[in-house]
Amino acid sequence: MERERLRTESTLVVTVESPEEFRDEVSEGIAALERGESTDSPPTLSFTSYDDLMATLTPRVLDLVEAIRREEPSSINETARTVDRDVKNVHEELSQLARLGVIFFEEEGRSKRPVVWFDELVINLPLDGGTSDTATVAP
């Protein structure tokens, strides 16, 4: 999704769904666009298993995202200082988050400023057992 459109969004939806469910949703969205219909669904990050979601969006990563949103650091180094962590580890996590579309970087001279474009993260976990690894979810 292009950065300017992301700036107008306020919510990122994170979900767990099977590859088949994801493919069906994407196919439906493409078909709607081809018919000239609007697709007003919020930006969504889909994982194929609960384990993948939890391995990616750990409490430490979510703290990092929250710190970026709250403090608006001007660089990766400043981000690392903000969360009192090693620059290399923070850089690796930010790079992964950027690949996933959770953040993006604005280049300012030689610095890369991480930007969290949403102010709400909604995690949608289906409990119906439709996705193979969601059975690991416990009350």
C-alpha atoms as a PDB file:
ATOM      1  CA  MET A   1       0.000   0.000   0.000  1.00  0.00           C
ATOM      2  CA  GLU A   2       1.435   3.398  -0.880  1.00  0.00           C
ATOM      3  CA  ARG A   3       2.684   5.589   1.953  1.00  0.00           C
ATOM      4  CA  GLU A   4       0.328   8.484   1.353  1.00  0.00           C
ATOM      5  CA  ARG A   5      -2.689   6.199   1.609  1.00  0.00           C
ATOM      6  CA  LEU A   6      -1.240   4.599   4.727  1.00  0.00           C
ATOM      7  CA  ARG A   7      -1.056   8.016   6.357  1.00  0.00           C
ATOM      8  CA  THR A   8      -4.851   8.280   6.070  1.00  0.00           C
ATOM      9  CA  GLU A   9      -5.440   4.903   7.724  1.00  0.00           C
ATOM     10  CA  SER A  10      -5.651   4.573  11.476  1.00  0.00           C
ATOM     11  CA  THR A  11      -6.013   0.826  11.987  1.00  0.00           C
ATOM     12  CA  LEU A  12      -3.929  -2.192  11.071  1.00  0.00           C
ATOM     13  CA  VAL A  13      -5.780  -5.487  11.320  1.00  0.00           C
ATOM     14  CA  VAL A  14      -3.689  -8.566  12.076  1.00  0.00           C
ATOM     15  CA  THR A  15      -5.279 -11.937  11.536  1.00  0.00           C
ATOM     16  CA  VAL A  16      -4.575 -15.638  11.305  1.00  0.00           C
ATOM     17  CA  GLU A  17      -6.002 -17.421   8.309  1.00  0.00           C
ATOM     18  CA  SER A  18      -5.151 -20.316   6.083  1.00  0.00           C
ATOM     19  CA  PRO A  19      -3.429 -19.694   2.765  1.00  0.00           C
ATOM     20  CA  GLU A  20      -6.672 -20.729   1.061  1.00  0.00           C
ATOM     21  CA  GLU A  21      -8.705 -18.165   3.026  1.00  0.00           C
ATOM     22  CA  PHE A  22      -6.156 -15.472   2.243  1.00  0.00           C
ATOM     23  CA  ARG A  23      -6.148 -16.370  -1.466  1.00  0.00           C
ATOM     24  CA  ASP A  24      -9.968 -16.316  -1.555  1.00  0.00           C
ATOM     25  CA  GLU A  25     -10.102 -12.872   0.076  1.00  0.00           C
ATOM     26  CA  VAL A  26      -7.494 -11.465  -2.300  1.00  0.00           C
ATOM     27  CA  SER A  27      -9.305 -12.991  -5.286  1.00  0.00           C
ATOM     28  CA  GLU A  28     -12.613 -11.487  -4.137  1.00  0.00           C
ATOM     29  CA  GLY A  29     -10.955  -8.093  -3.717  1.00  0.00           C
ATOM     30  CA  ILE A  30      -9.420  -8.234  -7.182  1.00  0.00           C
ATOM     31  CA  ALA A  31     -12.747  -9.281  -8.712  1.00  0.00           C
ATOM     32  CA  ALA A  32     -14.495  -6.376  -6.965  1.00  0.00           C
ATOM     33  CA  LEU A  33     -11.919  -3.925  -8.309  1.00  0.00           C
ATOM     34  CA  GLU A  34     -12.311  -5.343 -11.811  1.00  0.00           C
ATOM     35  CA  ARG A  35     -16.082  -4.753 -11.516  1.00  0.00           C
ATOM     36  CA  GLY A  36     -15.336  -1.161 -10.520  1.00  0.00           C
ATOM     37  CA  GLU A  37     -16.494  -1.680  -6.944  1.00  0.00           C
ATOM     38  CA  SER A  38     -14.785  -0.079  -3.995  1.00  0.00           C
ATOM     39  CA  THR A  39     -12.835  -2.207  -1.542  1.00  0.00           C
ATOM     40  CA  ASP A  40     -12.838  -0.319   1.712  1.00  0.00           C
ATOM     41  CA  SER A  41     -11.354  -3.040   3.879  1.00  0.00           C
ATOM     42  CA  PRO A  42      -8.692  -1.861   6.314  1.00  0.00           C
ATOM     43  CA  PRO A  43      -5.044  -2.748   5.743  1.00  0.00           C
ATOM     44  CA  THR A  44      -4.552  -6.310   6.956  1.00  0.00           C
ATOM     45  CA  LEU A  45      -1.506  -8.361   7.860  1.00  0.00           C
ATOM     46  CA  SER A  46      -2.298 -12.082   7.683  1.00  0.00           C
ATOM     47  CA  PHE A  47      -0.361 -14.914   9.262  1.00  0.00           C
ATOM     48  CA  THR A  48      -0.950 -18.560   8.437  1.00  0.00           C
ATOM     49  CA  SER A  49      -0.637 -19.682  12.041  1.00  0.00           C
ATOM     50  CA  TYR A  50      -0.999 -18.399  15.550  1.00  0.00           C
ATOM     51  CA  ASP A  51       2.609 -19.461  16.182  1.00  0.00           C
ATOM     52  CA  ASP A  52       3.866 -17.295  13.294  1.00  0.00           C
ATOM     53  CA  LEU A  53       1.915 -14.313  14.576  1.00  0.00           C
ATOM     54  CA  MET A  54       3.258 -14.723  18.112  1.00  0.00           C
ATOM     55  CA  ALA A  55       6.831 -15.263  16.880  1.00  0.00           C
ATOM     56  CA  THR A  56       6.648 -12.052  14.849  1.00  0.00           C
ATOM     57  CA  LEU A  57       4.646  -9.709  17.065  1.00  0.00           C
ATOM     58  CA  THR A  58       6.306 -10.496  20.361  1.00  0.00           C
ATOM     59  CA  PRO A  59       5.762  -8.234  23.371  1.00  0.00           C
ATOM     60  CA  ARG A  60       9.239  -6.808  22.737  1.00  0.00           C
ATOM     61  CA  VAL A  61       8.350  -5.945  19.114  1.00  0.00           C
ATOM     62  CA  LEU A  62       5.015  -4.451  20.155  1.00  0.00           C
ATOM     63  CA  ASP A  63       6.839  -2.315  22.756  1.00  0.00           C
ATOM     64  CA  LEU A  64       9.151  -1.133  19.963  1.00  0.00           C
ATOM     65  CA  VAL A  65       6.195  -0.219  17.734  1.00  0.00           C
ATOM     66  CA  GLU A  66       4.511   1.610  20.592  1.00  0.00           C
ATOM     67  CA  ALA A  67       7.698   3.546  21.423  1.00  0.00           C
ATOM     68  CA  ILE A  68       8.078   4.642  17.802  1.00  0.00           C
ATOM     69  CA  ARG A  69       4.463   5.791  17.677  1.00  0.00           C
ATOM     70  CA  ARG A  70       4.720   7.647  20.980  1.00  0.00           C
ATOM     71  CA  GLU A  71       8.238   9.152  20.732  1.00  0.00           C
ATOM     72  CA  GLU A  72       8.608   9.589  16.944  1.00  0.00           C
ATOM     73  CA  PRO A  73      12.393   9.026  16.933  1.00  0.00           C
ATOM     74  CA  SER A  74      14.332  10.606  14.078  1.00  0.00           C
ATOM     75  CA  SER A  75      16.559   7.606  13.288  1.00  0.00           C
ATOM     76  CA  ILE A  76      17.183   3.945  13.978  1.00  0.00           C
ATOM     77  CA  ASN A  77      19.911   4.905  16.468  1.00  0.00           C
ATOM     78  CA  GLU A  78      17.530   7.188  18.344  1.00  0.00           C
ATOM     79  CA  THR A  79      14.929   4.418  18.309  1.00  0.00           C
ATOM     80  CA  ALA A  80      17.418   2.034  19.911  1.00  0.00           C
ATOM     81  CA  ARG A  81      18.225   4.639  22.593  1.00  0.00           C
ATOM     82  CA  THR A  82      14.512   5.214  23.193  1.00  0.00           C
ATOM     83  CA  VAL A  83      13.917   1.537  23.977  1.00  0.00           C
ATOM     84  CA  ASP A  84      17.362   1.073  25.590  1.00  0.00           C
ATOM     85  CA  ARG A  85      18.348  -1.735  23.239  1.00  0.00           C
ATOM     86  CA  ASP A  86      21.197  -2.671  20.920  1.00  0.00           C
ATOM     87  CA  VAL A  87      21.118  -0.791  17.590  1.00  0.00           C
ATOM     88  CA  LYS A  88      21.800  -3.926  15.544  1.00  0.00           C
ATOM     89  CA  ASN A  89      18.864  -5.829  17.077  1.00  0.00           C
ATOM     90  CA  VAL A  90      16.535  -2.864  16.717  1.00  0.00           C
ATOM     91  CA  HIS A  91      17.624  -2.413  13.086  1.00  0.00           C
ATOM     92  CA  GLU A  92      16.884  -6.095  12.353  1.00  0.00           C
ATOM     93  CA  GLU A  93      13.436  -5.904  13.942  1.00  0.00           C
ATOM     94  CA  LEU A  94      12.614  -2.650  12.158  1.00  0.00           C
ATOM     95  CA  SER A  95      13.713  -4.124   8.831  1.00  0.00           C
ATOM     96  CA  GLN A  96      11.414  -7.100   9.349  1.00  0.00           C
ATOM     97  CA  LEU A  97       8.524  -4.821  10.348  1.00  0.00           C
ATOM     98  CA  ALA A  98       9.124  -2.733   7.225  1.00  0.00           C
ATOM     99  CA  ARG A  99       9.056  -5.852   5.018  1.00  0.00           C
ATOM    100  CA  LEU A 100       5.709  -6.752   6.579  1.00  0.00           C
ATOM    101  CA  GLY A 101       4.326  -3.236   6.097  1.00  0.00           C
ATOM    102  CA  VAL A 102       3.921  -2.568   9.813  1.00  0.00           C
ATOM    103  CA  ILE A 103       6.260   0.427   9.570  1.00  0.00           C
ATOM    104  CA  PHE A 104       8.000   2.307   6.808  1.00  0.00           C
ATOM    105  CA  PHE A 105      11.139   4.386   6.734  1.00  0.00           C
ATOM    106  CA  GLU A 106      11.423   8.025   5.756  1.00  0.00           C
ATOM    107  CA  GLU A 107      14.916   8.863   4.629  1.00  0.00           C
ATOM    108  CA  GLU A 108      16.208  12.145   5.963  1.00  0.00           C
ATOM    109  CA  GLY A 109      19.757  12.666   4.783  1.00  0.00           C
ATOM    110  CA  ARG A 110      21.732   9.666   5.978  1.00  0.00           C
ATOM    111  CA  SER A 111      19.148   8.737   8.613  1.00  0.00           C
ATOM    112  CA  LYS A 112      16.196   6.437   8.225  1.00  0.00           C
ATOM    113  CA  ARG A 113      13.301   7.468  10.429  1.00  0.00           C
ATOM    114  CA  PRO A 114      10.908   4.631  11.308  1.00  0.00           C
ATOM    115  CA  VAL A 115       7.246   5.590  11.009  1.00  0.00           C
ATOM    116  CA  VAL A 116       4.313   3.718  12.498  1.00  0.00           C
ATOM    117  CA  TRP A 117       1.427   4.732  10.236  1.00  0.00           C
ATOM    118  CA  PHE A 118      -1.470   3.423  12.362  1.00  0.00           C
ATOM    119  CA  ASP A 119      -2.701   4.345  15.806  1.00  0.00           C
ATOM    120  CA  GLU A 120      -4.622   1.150  16.485  1.00  0.00           C
ATOM    121  CA  LEU A 121      -3.642  -2.478  16.015  1.00  0.00           C
ATOM    122  CA  VAL A 122      -6.497  -4.979  15.993  1.00  0.00           C
ATOM    123  CA  ILE A 123      -5.650  -8.660  16.265  1.00  0.00           C
ATOM    124  CA  ASN A 124      -8.362 -10.945  14.936  1.00  0.00           C
ATOM    125  CA  LEU A 125      -7.932 -14.572  16.014  1.00  0.00           C
ATOM    126  CA  PRO A 126     -10.493 -17.047  14.710  1.00  0.00           C
ATOM    127  CA  LEU A 127     -11.245 -19.669  17.335  1.00  0.00           C
ATOM    128  CA  ASP A 128     -13.250 -21.988  15.092  1.00  0.00           C
ATOM    129  CA  GLY A 129     -10.308 -24.234  14.299  1.00  0.00           C
ATOM    130  CA  GLY A 130     -10.383 -23.347  10.595  1.00  0.00           C
ATOM    131  CA  THR A 131      -6.643 -22.656  10.493  1.00  0.00           C
ATOM    132  CA  SER A 132      -4.500 -25.620  11.431  1.00  0.00           C
ATOM    133  CA  ASP A 133      -2.327 -23.958  14.086  1.00  0.00           C
ATOM    134  CA  THR A 134      -5.079 -21.925  15.753  1.00  0.00           C
ATOM    135  CA  ALA A 135      -5.799 -24.958  17.920  1.00  0.00           C
ATOM    136  CA  THR A 136      -2.854 -23.801  20.040  1.00  0.00           C
ATOM    137  CA  VAL A 137      -4.930 -20.877  21.263  1.00  0.00           C
ATOM    138  CA  ALA A 138      -5.969 -21.513  24.841  1.00  0.00           C
ATOM    139  CA  PRO A 139      -8.402 -19.608  27.046  1.00  0.00           C
END
